[in-house]
Amino acid sequence: MAKLLIKGGTVVNADRMFEADVYCQGGKIEKVGKELTDLPHDIRVVDATGRYVIPGGIDSHTHMQLPFMGTVAVDDFYTGTRAALAGGTTMIMDFVLGPKNESLLQAFDRWKGWADEKVCCDYSFHVGVTWWSPQVQEEMGILCKDKGVNSFKMFMAYRDVFMLRDNELLASFERCKQLGAVAQVHAENGDVIAERSKDMIEMGITGPEGHEMCRPEEVEAEATNRAVVLAKQVNCPLYVVHVMSKSAADVIVSARDKGWVVYGEPIAASLGTDGSNYWNKCWRHAAGHVMGPPLRPDPSTPRYLMNLLASGGLQVTGTDNCTFNGNQKALGKDDFRKIPNGVNGVEDRMSVVWEKGVHAGVLDPCKFVAVTSTNAAKIFNIYPQKGAIAVGSDADIVIWNGNATRTISKETHHQAVDFNIFEGMECHGVPEVVISRGHVVVDHGEVNVVRGSGQYIACPVFPNHVYNRIHQRDKVCQPQKVEREPYTGPVVVIPKK
């Protein structure tokens, strides 16, 4: 049984910072305080003097070994979670995305089989609803009741592959509400994209720049607004994944200002780089940034999204980590529509958010912890098991040096992919020691993980952080009938045809 004492550091939780030692045993945090006593003698001591002691990061959005667009993402559940740990993330939330007409339960079992033998850190699953039927509706209930799933993702893009129509979205949102689950959306207008991408090809625009031009940010904003409105009609909480543009973010902020239960998730890519890369003269470089929704060419977008994280307009940072090598991206060398969509981020998210957020003076360390760990744990109902340095919480801990720097590069990262969208970026903020379930798995750059050691974390339904307001609105915001005397006057007669 691992026994570990973290000594001399500054504990940072989402609500406060304080100097304390942290004692861990059996994979849990047992004591937090100054001058801890009654500790066993056979313990390992980690010196955290001058460092922050923070909850391990939670990446709310990954796609490890995803079969997509004719190929398979190169970072699997081993290399992907190993890289996550190297960067200070101790839990990932991946997506089960089966094809249309496949049983959600069969897809879940397949993904879990892939993950269990490989994961180096803890994980959970969101499940994609890529088609709609009574069977899907029934299986959503089974996933919530028996499989530890409390979130479902619906696509408004990828027409004829994953995309749902508005009536199906409305039905899926209503089902999520019944089950106490969080509804997620990939918000882009799939019809516009399908038609505009044809136009681009007809104009001879076959390169990666066409990918952004056929799906400009107003296409993301329109779908975001439509999803927000549809969810509101059935009082369903909504979580918008990979917020990539200022205009889509504004929709979320506006809805929240009205009191609607909506959450927004920018990702490492949208916070750390921009869409000008699609016009790079090097095709490989440009294609390496292709993802959906695309990065935005407006260079002020990353700072705008970071400011909204600081103000609370946006809440969580994920990565949408879905990596493809150059020879896979080359499937679209003559047609941008065939470039597999996806970028890296699972290893670099924490450092990128610290550099662009805390080091830049936009976030404080407590807000950093909130947007990289605690808020996700609360929304998906695993707090305070995750997302906190507290007695009884899992011993997923990072000793964070906010002043140290590292330069991001594909030559030194731990991911399997042969490209890095943050190439050459110098980041302040380095995870010197990473602890997963009480075991030191990263020690000053040395990664020592065990394949298959991660555990599946069940996410219970009806998270209080999300559903307290939903339940109250069900009580007080119901439509009310107006009692009035019946109308007794004349009624026009419409002739029969």
Foldseek 3Di string as FASTA:
>chain_A
DAWEKEPAAWEFFLVDIGTWIWIDDQQFTADIGHPDDPDDDPHYYHYLHQWYKFFFFEFEEEAAQHDFLNHTFQHHQALLQLLLLQQRHQEYEYEQEDWPPDQQVVSVVVNCVRNLQFHQHAYAYEYEDQDDDVRNLVVVLCCQPPVQYAEYEAEQAPPPTRHDDLVRLLVVQLSSVVNQHEYEYQFFHHVQLVVQLVVCVVVVNAALVSLCVSTDVVRRLVRLLSSQVSNVVNLGAYEYEADAFPNNLVSLLVCVVVVRRYAYEHELDSQFFAQVQCVDPDRLSNLQQAAPVGGHPPGCRNLSVLLCLLVVSHWAYHHHAGHDASVQQCCRVRHNVSRTHHHHHSNCGLQSCLQSDVVVPRHPSSSSLRHRWVVSCLNLANPPLGSGSDRGHRPWIFGKQQADKDFDALVPRSGPYNGHNRHGDITGMGGQWTAHSSRTQHHRHDGRTDTSPHHYDRRHGNRCVRCVVSVVCVVPVDDDDDDDDDDDDDDDDDDDD
